[in-house]
C-alpha atoms as a PDB file:
ATOM      1  CA  MET A   1      -3.411   7.469  10.228  1.00  0.00           C
ATOM      2  CA  ARG A   2      -4.393   3.842  10.825  1.00  0.00           C
ATOM      3  CA  LYS A   3      -7.366   4.148   8.514  1.00  0.00           C
ATOM      4  CA  PHE A   4      -5.169   5.632   5.769  1.00  0.00           C
ATOM      5  CA  TRP A   5      -2.651   2.787   6.141  1.00  0.00           C
ATOM      6  CA  LEU A   6      -5.378   0.167   5.979  1.00  0.00           C
ATOM      7  CA  ILE A   7      -7.004   1.778   2.951  1.00  0.00           C
ATOM      8  CA  SER A   8      -3.592   1.843   1.273  1.00  0.00           C
ATOM      9  CA  CYS A   9      -3.054  -1.877   1.946  1.00  0.00           C
ATOM     10  CA  LEU A  10      -6.497  -2.841   0.713  1.00  0.00           C
ATOM     11  CA  GLY A  11      -6.038  -0.622  -2.334  1.00  0.00           C
ATOM     12  CA  TYR A  12      -2.703  -2.280  -3.095  1.00  0.00           C
ATOM     13  CA  ALA A  13      -4.305  -5.713  -2.808  1.00  0.00           C
ATOM     14  CA  LEU A  14      -7.126  -4.665  -5.099  1.00  0.00           C
ATOM     15  CA  ALA A  15      -4.754  -3.168  -7.683  1.00  0.00           C
ATOM     16  CA  THR A  16      -2.210  -5.999  -7.799  1.00  0.00           C
ATOM     17  CA  CYS A  17      -4.276  -9.154  -7.455  1.00  0.00           C
ATOM     18  CA  ASP A  18      -6.564 -10.087 -10.304  1.00  0.00           C
ATOM     19  CA  THR A  19      -7.243 -13.731  -9.453  1.00  0.00           C
ATOM     20  CA  TRP A  20      -8.951 -13.382  -6.086  1.00  0.00           C
ATOM     21  CA  ALA A  21     -11.979 -11.314  -7.023  1.00  0.00           C
ATOM     22  CA  ALA A  22     -14.401 -14.168  -6.312  1.00  0.00           C
ATOM     23  CA  GLU A  23     -12.380 -15.678  -3.488  1.00  0.00           C
ATOM     24  CA  LYS A  24     -12.549 -15.271   0.263  1.00  0.00           C
ATOM     25  CA  LEU A  25      -9.840 -13.105   1.799  1.00  0.00           C
ATOM     26  CA  LYS A  26      -8.920 -13.901   5.381  1.00  0.00           C
ATOM     27  CA  ILE A  27      -7.653 -10.908   7.325  1.00  0.00           C
ATOM     28  CA  GLU A  28      -6.174 -11.412  10.765  1.00  0.00           C
ATOM     29  CA  SER A  29      -5.703  -8.266  12.774  1.00  0.00           C
ATOM     30  CA  THR A  30      -5.173  -7.045  16.277  1.00  0.00           C
ATOM     31  CA  VAL A  31      -8.192  -5.908  18.225  1.00  0.00           C
ATOM     32  CA  ALA A  32      -7.018  -2.292  17.818  1.00  0.00           C
ATOM     33  CA  PHE A  33      -8.063  -2.360  14.143  1.00  0.00           C
ATOM     34  CA  ARG A  34     -11.461  -3.988  14.744  1.00  0.00           C
ATOM     35  CA  SER A  35     -13.575  -0.855  14.326  1.00  0.00           C
ATOM     36  CA  VAL A  36     -11.646   0.276  11.239  1.00  0.00           C
ATOM     37  CA  LEU A  37     -11.901  -3.111   9.514  1.00  0.00           C
ATOM     38  CA  GLU A  38     -15.546  -3.550  10.421  1.00  0.00           C
ATOM     39  CA  ASP A  39     -16.227  -0.117   8.916  1.00  0.00           C
ATOM     40  CA  LEU A  40     -14.151  -0.557   5.743  1.00  0.00           C
ATOM     41  CA  GLY A  41     -14.739  -4.280   5.197  1.00  0.00           C
ATOM     42  CA  PRO A  42     -18.240  -4.034   3.715  1.00  0.00           C
ATOM     43  CA  LYS A  43     -17.171  -1.125   1.503  1.00  0.00           C
ATOM     44  CA  PHE A  44     -14.180  -3.111   0.231  1.00  0.00           C
ATOM     45  CA  GLN A  45     -16.380  -6.152  -0.435  1.00  0.00           C
ATOM     46  CA  GLN A  46     -18.841  -4.044  -2.409  1.00  0.00           C
ATOM     47  CA  VAL A  47     -16.122  -2.519  -4.605  1.00  0.00           C
ATOM     48  CA  SER A  48     -13.984  -5.633  -5.095  1.00  0.00           C
ATOM     49  CA  GLY A  49     -16.559  -8.413  -5.083  1.00  0.00           C
ATOM     50  CA  ALA A  50     -14.292 -10.386  -2.755  1.00  0.00           C
ATOM     51  CA  GLU A  51     -15.626 -11.908   0.438  1.00  0.00           C
ATOM     52  CA  LEU A  52     -13.748 -10.953   3.613  1.00  0.00           C
ATOM     53  CA  GLU A  53     -13.322 -13.132   6.654  1.00  0.00           C
ATOM     54  CA  LEU A  54     -12.196 -10.961   9.564  1.00  0.00           C
ATOM     55  CA  SER A  55     -10.458 -12.434  12.586  1.00  0.00           C
ATOM     56  CA  PHE A  56      -9.237 -10.463  15.606  1.00  0.00           C
ATOM     57  CA  ASP A  57      -6.765 -11.510  18.289  1.00  0.00           C
ATOM     58  CA  THR A  58      -3.748 -10.288  20.209  1.00  0.00           C
ATOM     59  CA  ALA A  59      -0.485  -9.573  18.408  1.00  0.00           C
ATOM     60  CA  GLY A  60       1.181 -12.497  20.180  1.00  0.00           C
ATOM     61  CA  VAL A  61      -1.404 -15.012  19.009  1.00  0.00           C
ATOM     62  CA  ILE A  62      -1.268 -13.707  15.438  1.00  0.00           C
ATOM     63  CA  SER A  63       2.536 -13.829  15.498  1.00  0.00           C
ATOM     64  CA  ARG A  64       2.491 -17.477  16.599  1.00  0.00           C
ATOM     65  CA  ARG A  65       0.015 -18.358  13.842  1.00  0.00           C
ATOM     66  CA  VAL A  66       2.145 -16.714  11.172  1.00  0.00           C
ATOM     67  CA  SER A  67       5.356 -18.263  12.555  1.00  0.00           C
ATOM     68  CA  SER A  68       3.801 -21.715  12.473  1.00  0.00           C
ATOM     69  CA  GLY A  69       2.794 -21.284   8.833  1.00  0.00           C
ATOM     70  CA  GLU A  70      -0.927 -21.056   9.433  1.00  0.00           C
ATOM     71  CA  GLY A  71      -2.784 -19.202   6.705  1.00  0.00           C
ATOM     72  CA  SER A  72      -1.268 -17.436   3.754  1.00  0.00           C
ATOM     73  CA  VAL A  73       0.180 -14.035   3.020  1.00  0.00           C
ATOM     74  CA  LEU A  74      -0.128 -11.926  -0.122  1.00  0.00           C
ATOM     75  CA  PRO A  75       3.204 -11.651  -1.949  1.00  0.00           C
END
């Protein structure tokens, strides 16, 4: 189920964003998704041409980063 959800999100990003193809995408995720992202990341990069920067931490740390305005979020 997690893999399906992640594939759906990456597919949505690929389908709706046409300006980032040559850009670096920063993905912050909990450690629970590490194996899924490390498996799908290279495949996504190959198909999209976008470079991925993966970062893993606890949900609390990620929440504080987002709350403080660090990084950016796709609309």
